[in-house]
Amino acid sequence: MKKEKRLYTRRGRALRAAAIALALLLFCNGVLHIGFLLPSQAFRCAERRQGVYEREKIVARRWEPGMMHATDRLFLAEGKNSLTLGCTYLTPYGWDPSFVWALDTSAGGDVQAGVIAMGRGDKSALVFFGRIEGTDVEYLNANVRVDDVENSHVYYYGHEIGNTERVVRNGCTYYICVAPEPVPEELSRLPRSYVLVVNRPDGSSDHAFELTAGVSWG
């Protein structure tokens, strides 16, 4: 008996195509780690690959087009004992993670701060990020310190972190600040460190010295 060929209706063909597309998307996301529809999906994927297994909540987002790619989007996520900064960018295959840097905050303290030195081709930038206990922050400066021991001189290059680069939430101030690499070429051979200075309206200030600096190329 000849098998009767099945005829698909227009709705059936559409559902079949959608099911195939969904299966391909799940395969690309779960196995190949590409083709993410949302930048937050790419960020979460990069977190897992970096070994950040603590459950974290995204507390700040920031568009930085042209930082390293034309569509860079930064995320700052907070866990019980960690702060994680990540960057994603849009490609023809969907959103792709650029980097993730996790900061251990288990030691506590009023100021948690980190910095990432980035480079891609002839581009370079510093990304300062962190969390400050309290919302009474008047001035917030991220500084680069260069020590010229031979000539007994210290150079400071400051970046004021403005209000648009801060997010106030749950009694804390979170910030993400992208600044160009300020150190002149003739001083680039000298050791440097990073300092965050928090000035409050009552005249008191907090300092986070020698911030941990990660390096990202890509």
Protein backbone atom coordinates (compact mmCIF):
# COMPACT_ATOMS: atom_id res chain seq x y z
CA MET A 1 0.00 0.00 0.00
CA LYS A 2 1.45 3.34 -1.02
CA LYS A 3 2.14 5.63 1.93
CA GLU A 4 0.18 8.80 1.72
CA LYS A 5 2.37 11.89 1.64
CA ARG A 6 1.64 14.30 4.48
CA LEU A 7 0.63 17.76 3.45
CA TYR A 8 1.61 20.60 5.80
CA THR A 9 -0.67 23.57 6.26
CA ARG A 10 0.78 27.06 6.36
CA ARG A 11 0.43 27.10 10.14
CA GLY A 12 2.10 23.70 10.43
CA ARG A 13 5.06 24.78 8.33
CA ALA A 14 5.44 27.93 10.41
CA LEU A 15 5.36 25.97 13.69
CA ARG A 16 7.85 23.45 12.36
CA ALA A 17 10.24 26.21 11.26
CA ALA A 18 9.89 27.92 14.66
CA ALA A 19 10.65 24.66 16.49
CA ILE A 20 13.76 24.09 14.38
CA ALA A 21 14.92 27.68 14.94
CA LEU A 22 14.39 27.33 18.71
CA ALA A 23 16.34 24.06 18.80
CA LEU A 24 19.22 25.66 16.88
CA LEU A 25 19.19 28.68 19.19
CA LEU A 26 19.31 26.49 22.32
CA PHE A 27 22.14 24.45 20.78
CA CYS A 28 24.14 27.59 19.98
CA ASN A 29 23.52 29.10 23.43
CA GLY A 30 24.08 25.95 25.50
CA VAL A 31 26.83 24.20 23.53
CA LEU A 32 28.57 26.77 21.33
CA HIS A 33 27.97 29.75 23.67
CA ILE A 34 27.09 32.09 20.79
CA GLY A 35 23.94 33.68 19.43
CA PHE A 36 22.63 35.18 22.68
CA LEU A 37 19.59 37.36 22.11
CA LEU A 38 20.16 39.50 25.22
CA PRO A 39 23.41 41.04 26.52
CA SER A 40 22.60 39.82 30.04
CA GLN A 41 22.59 36.21 28.75
CA ALA A 42 26.12 36.63 27.40
CA PHE A 43 27.19 38.17 30.72
CA ARG A 44 25.77 35.25 32.73
CA CYS A 45 27.51 32.78 30.42
CA ALA A 46 30.84 34.57 30.89
CA GLU A 47 30.31 34.51 34.67
CA ARG A 48 30.02 30.71 34.65
CA ARG A 49 33.08 30.32 32.44
CA GLN A 50 35.06 32.57 34.78
CA GLY A 51 34.06 30.43 37.76
CA VAL A 52 31.64 32.87 39.42
CA TYR A 53 29.14 30.38 40.87
CA GLU A 54 27.70 32.64 43.57
CA ARG A 55 24.22 33.87 42.81
CA GLU A 56 24.56 37.54 41.86
CA LYS A 57 22.11 40.32 41.11
CA ILE A 58 22.82 42.93 38.43
CA VAL A 59 22.88 46.32 40.15
CA ALA A 60 24.17 48.63 37.39
CA ARG A 61 24.28 48.72 33.59
CA ARG A 62 26.13 51.13 31.33
CA TRP A 63 26.43 51.59 27.58
CA GLU A 64 30.00 52.41 26.47
CA PRO A 65 29.90 52.44 22.65
CA GLY A 66 33.36 52.63 21.16
CA MET A 67 35.20 51.61 24.34
CA MET A 68 36.64 48.54 22.61
CA HIS A 69 33.76 47.65 20.28
CA ALA A 70 30.96 49.72 18.77
CA THR A 71 28.27 48.21 21.03
CA ASP A 72 29.96 47.62 24.41
CA ARG A 73 27.56 47.19 27.33
CA LEU A 74 28.90 46.94 30.89
CA PHE A 75 27.25 45.09 33.78
CA LEU A 76 27.99 45.25 37.51
CA ALA A 77 26.61 42.35 39.55
CA GLU A 78 26.61 41.90 43.34
CA GLY A 79 26.66 38.72 45.38
CA LYS A 80 27.04 38.05 49.08
CA ASN A 81 30.84 37.92 48.83
CA SER A 82 31.58 39.28 45.39
CA LEU A 83 31.27 42.09 42.87
CA THR A 84 31.58 41.20 39.20
CA LEU A 85 32.11 43.53 36.27
CA GLY A 86 31.44 42.21 32.78
CA CYS A 87 31.29 43.53 29.24
CA THR A 88 29.34 42.24 26.23
CA TYR A 89 29.09 43.44 22.64
CA LEU A 90 26.86 42.74 19.66
CA THR A 91 28.11 40.59 16.77
CA PRO A 92 26.41 39.22 13.63
CA TYR A 93 25.80 36.03 15.65
CA GLY A 94 24.21 37.76 18.65
CA TRP A 95 25.63 39.12 21.90
CA ASP A 96 29.11 37.92 22.83
CA PRO A 97 30.99 38.33 26.15
CA SER A 98 34.14 40.44 26.02
CA PHE A 99 35.42 39.98 29.60
CA VAL A 100 34.37 39.30 33.18
CA TRP A 101 36.32 40.31 36.29
CA ALA A 102 35.26 39.21 39.78
CA LEU A 103 36.21 41.04 42.97
CA ASP A 104 36.24 39.20 46.31
CA THR A 105 34.39 41.27 48.94
CA SER A 106 34.29 38.68 51.73
CA ALA A 107 36.68 40.76 53.88
CA GLY A 108 34.04 43.49 54.15
CA GLY A 109 34.69 47.22 54.42
CA ASP A 110 32.86 50.42 53.50
CA VAL A 111 34.61 50.71 50.13
CA GLN A 112 34.92 47.88 47.63
CA ALA A 113 36.83 48.91 44.52
CA GLY A 114 38.44 47.38 41.47
CA VAL A 115 39.92 48.45 38.15
CA ILE A 116 40.48 46.77 34.80
CA ALA A 117 43.16 47.86 32.32
CA MET A 118 41.84 47.18 28.82
CA GLY A 119 43.50 47.13 25.42
CA ARG A 120 42.49 46.27 21.86
CA GLY A 121 44.64 47.27 18.93
CA ASP A 122 45.59 50.91 19.45
CA LYS A 123 42.80 51.47 22.00
CA SER A 124 43.36 51.44 25.76
CA ALA A 125 41.17 52.33 28.72
CA LEU A 126 40.75 51.93 32.47
CA VAL A 127 37.43 50.75 33.91
CA PHE A 128 36.91 51.59 37.60
CA PHE A 129 34.04 49.86 39.41
CA GLY A 130 32.86 49.11 42.92
CA ARG A 131 30.47 49.66 45.79
CA ILE A 132 30.45 52.21 48.63
CA GLU A 133 28.41 51.82 51.80
CA GLY A 134 26.04 54.78 52.13
CA THR A 135 24.59 57.27 49.71
CA ASP A 136 26.18 60.45 51.09
CA VAL A 137 29.02 60.55 48.56
CA GLU A 138 29.90 64.12 47.55
CA TYR A 139 33.05 63.61 45.47
CA LEU A 140 34.37 60.38 44.07
CA ASN A 141 37.76 60.26 42.38
CA ALA A 142 39.61 57.38 40.78
CA ASN A 143 43.33 58.07 40.57
CA VAL A 144 46.39 56.52 38.95
CA ARG A 145 49.61 56.85 40.94
CA VAL A 146 52.96 56.54 39.16
CA ASP A 147 56.07 56.24 41.32
CA ASP A 148 59.30 57.59 39.86
CA VAL A 149 61.65 56.28 42.52
CA GLU A 150 64.78 57.32 40.64
CA ASN A 151 63.81 61.00 40.70
CA SER A 152 61.90 60.81 44.01
CA HIS A 153 58.66 61.96 42.43
CA VAL A 154 55.07 60.76 42.52
CA TYR A 155 52.62 61.55 39.72
CA TYR A 156 48.84 61.50 40.23
CA TYR A 157 46.32 61.40 37.41
CA GLY A 158 42.76 61.84 38.61
CA HIS A 159 39.35 60.97 37.15
CA GLU A 160 36.27 62.38 38.85
CA ILE A 161 33.41 59.88 38.79
CA GLY A 162 30.28 61.90 38.05
CA ASN A 163 26.68 61.37 39.10
CA THR A 164 25.76 59.79 35.76
CA GLU A 165 28.31 57.05 36.43
CA ARG A 166 26.81 56.14 39.81
CA VAL A 167 23.75 54.17 40.85
CA VAL A 168 22.22 54.50 44.35
CA ARG A 169 20.43 51.36 45.50
CA ASN A 170 19.74 49.54 48.78
CA GLY A 171 21.65 52.11 50.83
CA CYS A 172 24.81 51.77 48.70
CA THR A 173 26.46 53.71 45.88
CA TYR A 174 27.60 51.62 42.91
CA TYR A 175 29.75 53.05 40.15
CA ILE A 176 31.24 52.22 36.76
CA CYS A 177 33.71 54.72 35.29
CA VAL A 178 35.54 54.34 31.98
CA ALA A 179 38.59 56.58 31.57
CA PRO A 180 41.41 56.75 29.00
CA GLU A 181 44.85 55.51 30.01
CA PRO A 182 46.40 58.74 31.38
CA VAL A 183 50.05 57.79 31.87
CA PRO A 184 52.41 59.44 29.33
CA GLU A 185 54.57 57.13 27.27
CA GLU A 186 57.79 58.32 28.93
CA LEU A 187 56.42 57.20 32.33
CA SER A 188 54.81 53.95 31.19
CA ARG A 189 57.86 51.94 32.30
CA LEU A 190 57.37 53.01 35.93
CA PRO A 191 55.29 51.04 38.47
CA ARG A 192 51.79 52.33 39.07
CA SER A 193 48.92 51.75 41.47
CA TYR A 194 45.26 52.76 41.55
CA VAL A 195 43.53 54.72 44.31
CA LEU A 196 39.85 55.47 44.92
CA VAL A 197 39.06 58.51 47.10
CA VAL A 198 35.56 58.97 48.56
CA ASN A 199 34.76 62.39 50.03
CA ARG A 200 31.61 62.83 52.12
CA PRO A 201 29.70 66.06 52.95
CA ASP A 202 30.85 66.02 56.60
CA GLY A 203 34.48 66.35 55.47
CA SER A 204 35.44 62.74 56.10
CA SER A 205 36.96 60.61 53.38
CA ASP A 206 37.61 56.96 52.65
CA HIS A 207 40.49 55.63 50.59
CA ALA A 208 40.93 52.31 48.84
CA PHE A 209 44.61 51.97 48.01
CA GLU A 210 46.31 49.67 45.53
CA LEU A 211 43.17 48.44 43.83
CA THR A 212 43.41 45.04 42.21
CA ALA A 213 43.87 45.54 38.47
CA GLY A 214 42.79 42.95 35.95
CA VAL A 215 43.94 43.01 32.34
CA SER A 216 41.70 42.30 29.36
CA TRP A 217 42.72 42.07 25.73
CA GLY A 218 40.17 41.44 23.01
